[in-house]
Amino acid sequence: MESLTRDGGHNADLARPFVDTLPVEGAAVSTLGSLLGTETVSATNDRAARLDELQFDLGEGPCWDALSSARPVLEPDVRNKPVRSWPAFSEVLRQEEIGAIFAFPMLVGSLRLGAIDLYCTTPRALSAADAQRSVALAAVVSRLVLRQALDKFDQPDTQQPHNPFFRRTLHQATGMVLAQLNLSPDDARLVIQAHAFAAGRPVQEVAEDILARKLDLSTSTQPGEIS
């Protein structure tokens, strides 16, 4: 986890900590939905990337279930106990000789960004400690993926020294969002920026709507969210 935060989480390295710290053989990080698009952001090997891409094509699998439920999906023995809700993907798992597969949602506040898939070629359960470690790693990766996406998006409103009211408005809106969603100030600001990005609106307008209580990010469905 320290390497992720220290290095800024380059895409090629985002999946690696899961394999380095957990008893799994492959990992893939993917975004899902219209907010950031549906794509594999990082994968530790070709098999992990292929499992991701096939889930995109089939529209079923652990990444979709983890995102829609906002909860981890833990399947320790798909070889002997196929998942009935994944008829097509279960056949993929058989062909790929997968024994266990796990998925963790990528969440920042109310935003559902994607999922992280982990696999083993033999049946294997994650311990409670390993599952908690996966959740913590997924939280770090979620923030890095969202921050990288927003950095690529031109947000002129975040650079307005000539507007003395903008920073105050954004600061106050950030305070409201962090209270609503129990987030850190940095994460609350990320959620505001992501909502503006998804809605195609200036950050200042979104912040003003939050202050006027026209927009409640704790209850609104975010663009790109799968419910």
Protein backbone atom coordinates (compact mmCIF):
# COMPACT_ATOMS: atom_id res chain seq x y z
CA MET A 1 0.00 0.00 0.00
CA GLU A 2 2.88 2.35 0.78
CA SER A 3 4.31 1.83 -2.71
CA LEU A 4 0.98 2.83 -4.26
CA THR A 5 0.75 6.11 -2.38
CA ARG A 6 4.48 6.85 -2.68
CA ASP A 7 4.68 6.25 -6.43
CA GLY A 8 1.37 7.86 -7.29
CA GLY A 9 -0.07 4.58 -8.51
CA HIS A 10 1.04 4.30 -12.12
CA ASN A 11 -1.51 2.25 -14.03
CA ALA A 12 0.87 -0.60 -14.72
CA ASP A 13 1.49 -1.01 -10.98
CA LEU A 14 -2.05 -0.66 -9.60
CA ALA A 15 -2.81 -4.39 -9.61
CA ARG A 16 0.61 -5.59 -8.44
CA PRO A 17 0.19 -5.01 -4.65
CA PHE A 18 -2.74 -7.44 -4.54
CA VAL A 19 -0.56 -10.28 -5.84
CA ASP A 20 2.39 -9.23 -3.70
CA THR A 21 0.43 -9.22 -0.42
CA LEU A 22 -2.37 -11.77 -0.92
CA PRO A 23 -2.46 -15.53 -1.68
CA VAL A 24 -3.65 -15.01 -5.26
CA GLU A 25 -2.02 -15.56 -8.64
CA GLY A 26 -3.45 -12.70 -10.66
CA ALA A 27 -5.24 -9.39 -10.30
CA ALA A 28 -6.92 -6.87 -12.58
CA VAL A 29 -8.24 -3.36 -11.96
CA SER A 30 -11.11 -2.22 -14.16
CA THR A 31 -13.43 0.73 -14.46
CA LEU A 32 -17.07 0.04 -15.30
CA GLY A 33 -19.90 2.27 -16.49
CA SER A 34 -20.18 5.61 -18.20
CA LEU A 35 -18.37 7.71 -15.58
CA LEU A 36 -14.85 6.47 -16.38
CA GLY A 37 -15.72 4.05 -19.18
CA THR A 38 -15.44 0.26 -19.14
CA GLU A 39 -11.86 -0.89 -19.51
CA THR A 40 -9.05 -2.77 -17.84
CA VAL A 41 -6.81 -0.21 -16.15
CA SER A 42 -4.15 -2.59 -14.85
CA ALA A 43 -3.53 -6.35 -14.86
CA THR A 44 -0.72 -8.47 -13.50
CA ASN A 45 -0.79 -10.96 -16.38
CA ASP A 46 -2.57 -11.86 -19.60
CA ARG A 47 -4.98 -14.26 -17.92
CA ALA A 48 -6.16 -11.61 -15.46
CA ALA A 49 -6.71 -9.15 -18.31
CA ARG A 50 -8.54 -11.78 -20.35
CA LEU A 51 -10.90 -12.64 -17.48
CA ASP A 52 -11.72 -8.94 -17.16
CA GLU A 53 -12.36 -8.45 -20.87
CA LEU A 54 -14.61 -11.51 -21.07
CA GLN A 55 -16.73 -10.20 -18.22
CA PHE A 56 -17.14 -6.94 -20.13
CA ASP A 57 -18.24 -8.84 -23.23
CA LEU A 58 -20.61 -11.21 -21.40
CA GLY A 59 -22.11 -8.62 -19.05
CA GLU A 60 -21.84 -11.01 -16.11
CA GLY A 61 -19.28 -12.07 -13.56
CA PRO A 62 -17.86 -11.04 -10.20
CA CYS A 63 -16.78 -7.54 -11.24
CA TRP A 64 -20.36 -6.63 -12.19
CA ASP A 65 -21.78 -8.20 -9.02
CA ALA A 66 -19.25 -6.44 -6.78
CA LEU A 67 -20.03 -3.09 -8.34
CA SER A 68 -23.82 -3.46 -8.32
CA SER A 69 -23.90 -4.61 -4.69
CA ALA A 70 -21.01 -2.38 -3.51
CA ARG A 71 -19.79 -5.46 -1.62
CA PRO A 72 -16.99 -7.98 -2.11
CA VAL A 73 -17.78 -11.14 -4.06
CA LEU A 74 -15.90 -14.15 -2.71
CA GLU A 75 -16.07 -17.44 -4.60
CA PRO A 76 -13.43 -19.81 -3.16
CA ASP A 77 -14.33 -22.89 -5.23
CA VAL A 78 -15.78 -22.11 -8.66
CA ARG A 79 -14.32 -25.34 -10.00
CA ASN A 80 -16.64 -27.56 -7.95
CA LYS A 81 -19.36 -25.02 -7.20
CA PRO A 82 -20.08 -22.94 -10.34
CA VAL A 83 -22.01 -19.71 -9.78
CA ARG A 84 -25.47 -20.16 -11.26
CA SER A 85 -25.92 -16.46 -11.99
CA TRP A 86 -22.85 -16.56 -14.28
CA PRO A 87 -23.72 -19.34 -16.75
CA ALA A 88 -21.51 -18.04 -19.56
CA PHE A 89 -18.68 -16.77 -17.36
CA SER A 90 -18.65 -20.02 -15.38
CA GLU A 91 -17.77 -21.79 -18.63
CA VAL A 92 -14.97 -19.27 -19.15
CA LEU A 93 -13.65 -20.04 -15.66
CA ARG A 94 -13.70 -23.76 -16.47
CA GLN A 95 -11.80 -23.23 -19.72
CA GLU A 96 -9.27 -20.96 -18.02
CA GLU A 97 -8.80 -23.54 -15.22
CA ILE A 98 -9.70 -21.07 -12.48
CA GLY A 99 -10.27 -22.49 -9.00
CA ALA A 100 -11.23 -19.37 -7.04
CA ILE A 101 -12.17 -15.81 -7.94
CA PHE A 102 -12.78 -12.73 -5.83
CA ALA A 103 -13.91 -9.21 -6.67
CA PHE A 104 -13.84 -6.00 -4.65
CA PRO A 105 -15.75 -2.85 -5.63
CA MET A 106 -13.92 0.39 -6.31
CA LEU A 107 -15.77 3.06 -4.35
CA VAL A 108 -15.16 6.69 -3.45
CA GLY A 109 -18.03 7.95 -1.35
CA SER A 110 -21.22 7.36 -3.28
CA LEU A 111 -19.32 6.88 -6.54
CA ARG A 112 -19.03 3.35 -7.91
CA LEU A 113 -16.05 3.34 -10.24
CA GLY A 114 -15.31 -0.28 -11.07
CA ALA A 115 -13.95 -3.43 -9.50
CA ILE A 116 -10.78 -5.36 -8.75
CA ASP A 117 -10.71 -9.05 -9.67
CA LEU A 118 -8.39 -11.59 -8.05
CA TYR A 119 -8.01 -15.22 -9.05
CA CYS A 120 -6.31 -18.49 -8.10
CA THR A 121 -5.93 -21.57 -10.27
CA THR A 122 -6.78 -23.82 -7.33
CA PRO A 123 -9.77 -23.53 -4.96
CA ARG A 124 -8.80 -21.29 -2.06
CA ALA A 125 -10.58 -19.13 0.48
CA LEU A 126 -9.42 -15.70 1.58
CA SER A 127 -8.98 -15.35 5.31
CA ALA A 128 -10.81 -12.54 7.10
CA ALA A 129 -7.51 -10.67 7.36
CA ASP A 130 -6.81 -11.09 3.65
CA ALA A 131 -10.31 -9.88 2.78
CA GLN A 132 -9.85 -6.80 4.96
CA ARG A 133 -6.46 -6.15 3.37
CA SER A 134 -8.08 -6.39 -0.06
CA VAL A 135 -10.76 -3.88 0.93
CA ALA A 136 -8.10 -1.46 2.19
CA LEU A 137 -6.03 -1.81 -0.99
CA ALA A 138 -9.14 -1.37 -3.13
CA ALA A 139 -9.91 1.90 -1.32
CA VAL A 140 -6.44 3.27 -2.10
CA VAL A 141 -6.60 2.16 -5.74
CA SER A 142 -10.08 3.66 -6.14
CA ARG A 143 -8.85 7.09 -5.11
CA LEU A 144 -5.80 6.86 -7.36
CA VAL A 145 -7.84 5.81 -10.40
CA LEU A 146 -10.37 8.61 -9.87
CA ARG A 147 -7.67 11.21 -9.25
CA GLN A 148 -5.79 10.19 -12.41
CA ALA A 149 -8.99 10.41 -14.46
CA LEU A 150 -9.80 13.86 -13.13
CA ASP A 151 -6.24 15.06 -13.68
CA LYS A 152 -6.70 14.30 -17.38
CA PHE A 153 -9.93 16.27 -17.44
CA ASP A 154 -9.53 20.02 -17.85
CA GLN A 155 -11.07 21.59 -14.75
CA PRO A 156 -10.39 25.31 -15.13
CA ASP A 157 -12.70 26.04 -12.22
CA THR A 158 -10.20 24.53 -9.79
CA GLN A 159 -7.63 27.14 -10.81
CA GLN A 160 -9.37 30.49 -10.31
CA PRO A 161 -7.25 32.75 -8.10
CA HIS A 162 -9.08 35.74 -9.60
CA ASN A 163 -12.37 34.52 -8.11
CA PRO A 164 -12.18 35.05 -4.33
CA PHE A 165 -15.50 33.28 -3.78
CA PHE A 166 -14.75 30.05 -5.63
CA ARG A 167 -12.39 28.50 -3.10
CA ARG A 168 -14.71 29.46 -0.25
CA THR A 169 -17.70 27.92 -2.03
CA LEU A 170 -15.80 24.71 -2.80
CA HIS A 171 -14.45 24.52 0.74
CA GLN A 172 -17.93 24.87 2.24
CA ALA A 173 -19.42 22.33 -0.17
CA THR A 174 -16.57 19.94 0.63
CA GLY A 175 -17.44 20.26 4.31
CA MET A 176 -21.06 19.35 3.62
CA VAL A 177 -20.14 16.34 1.51
CA LEU A 178 -17.59 14.97 3.97
CA ALA A 179 -20.23 15.18 6.71
CA GLN A 180 -22.87 13.49 4.53
CA LEU A 181 -20.63 10.68 3.33
CA ASN A 182 -18.16 10.39 6.23
CA LEU A 183 -15.19 11.08 3.96
CA SER A 184 -11.86 12.82 4.31
CA PRO A 185 -11.69 16.37 2.87
CA ASP A 186 -9.63 15.14 -0.11
CA ASP A 187 -12.11 12.38 -0.92
CA ALA A 188 -15.10 14.71 -0.53
CA ARG A 189 -13.54 17.13 -3.00
CA LEU A 190 -12.83 14.24 -5.38
CA VAL A 191 -16.51 13.26 -5.26
CA ILE A 192 -17.59 16.82 -6.08
CA GLN A 193 -15.13 17.03 -8.99
CA ALA A 194 -16.20 13.61 -10.27
CA HIS A 195 -19.87 14.60 -10.20
CA ALA A 196 -19.06 17.76 -12.15
CA PHE A 197 -16.98 15.74 -14.62
CA ALA A 198 -19.77 13.18 -15.15
CA ALA A 199 -22.48 15.82 -15.48
CA GLY A 200 -20.41 18.06 -17.76
CA ARG A 201 -20.83 21.01 -15.41
CA PRO A 202 -18.37 23.45 -13.85
CA VAL A 203 -17.21 22.48 -10.37
CA GLN A 204 -18.37 25.85 -9.03
CA GLU A 205 -21.96 25.23 -10.18
CA VAL A 206 -22.02 21.83 -8.52
CA ALA A 207 -20.59 23.29 -5.29
CA GLU A 208 -23.20 26.04 -5.31
CA ASP A 209 -25.99 23.48 -5.78
CA ILE A 210 -24.67 21.49 -2.83
CA LEU A 211 -24.65 24.59 -0.62
CA ALA A 212 -28.17 25.51 -1.77
CA ARG A 213 -29.24 21.92 -0.96
CA LYS A 214 -30.36 21.40 -4.54
CA LEU A 215 -27.93 18.48 -4.81
CA ASP A 216 -27.38 15.81 -2.17
CA LEU A 217 -24.53 13.51 -3.15
CA SER A 218 -25.41 11.10 -0.36
CA THR A 219 -28.68 10.16 -2.05
CA SER A 220 -28.24 11.05 -5.72
CA THR A 221 -27.38 8.33 -8.22
CA GLN A 222 -24.09 9.24 -9.79
CA PRO A 223 -23.67 9.15 -13.54
CA GLY A 224 -21.95 5.90 -14.40
CA GLU A 225 -23.15 4.16 -11.25
CA ILE A 226 -24.68 0.74 -11.64
CA SER A 227 -27.58 0.20 -9.31
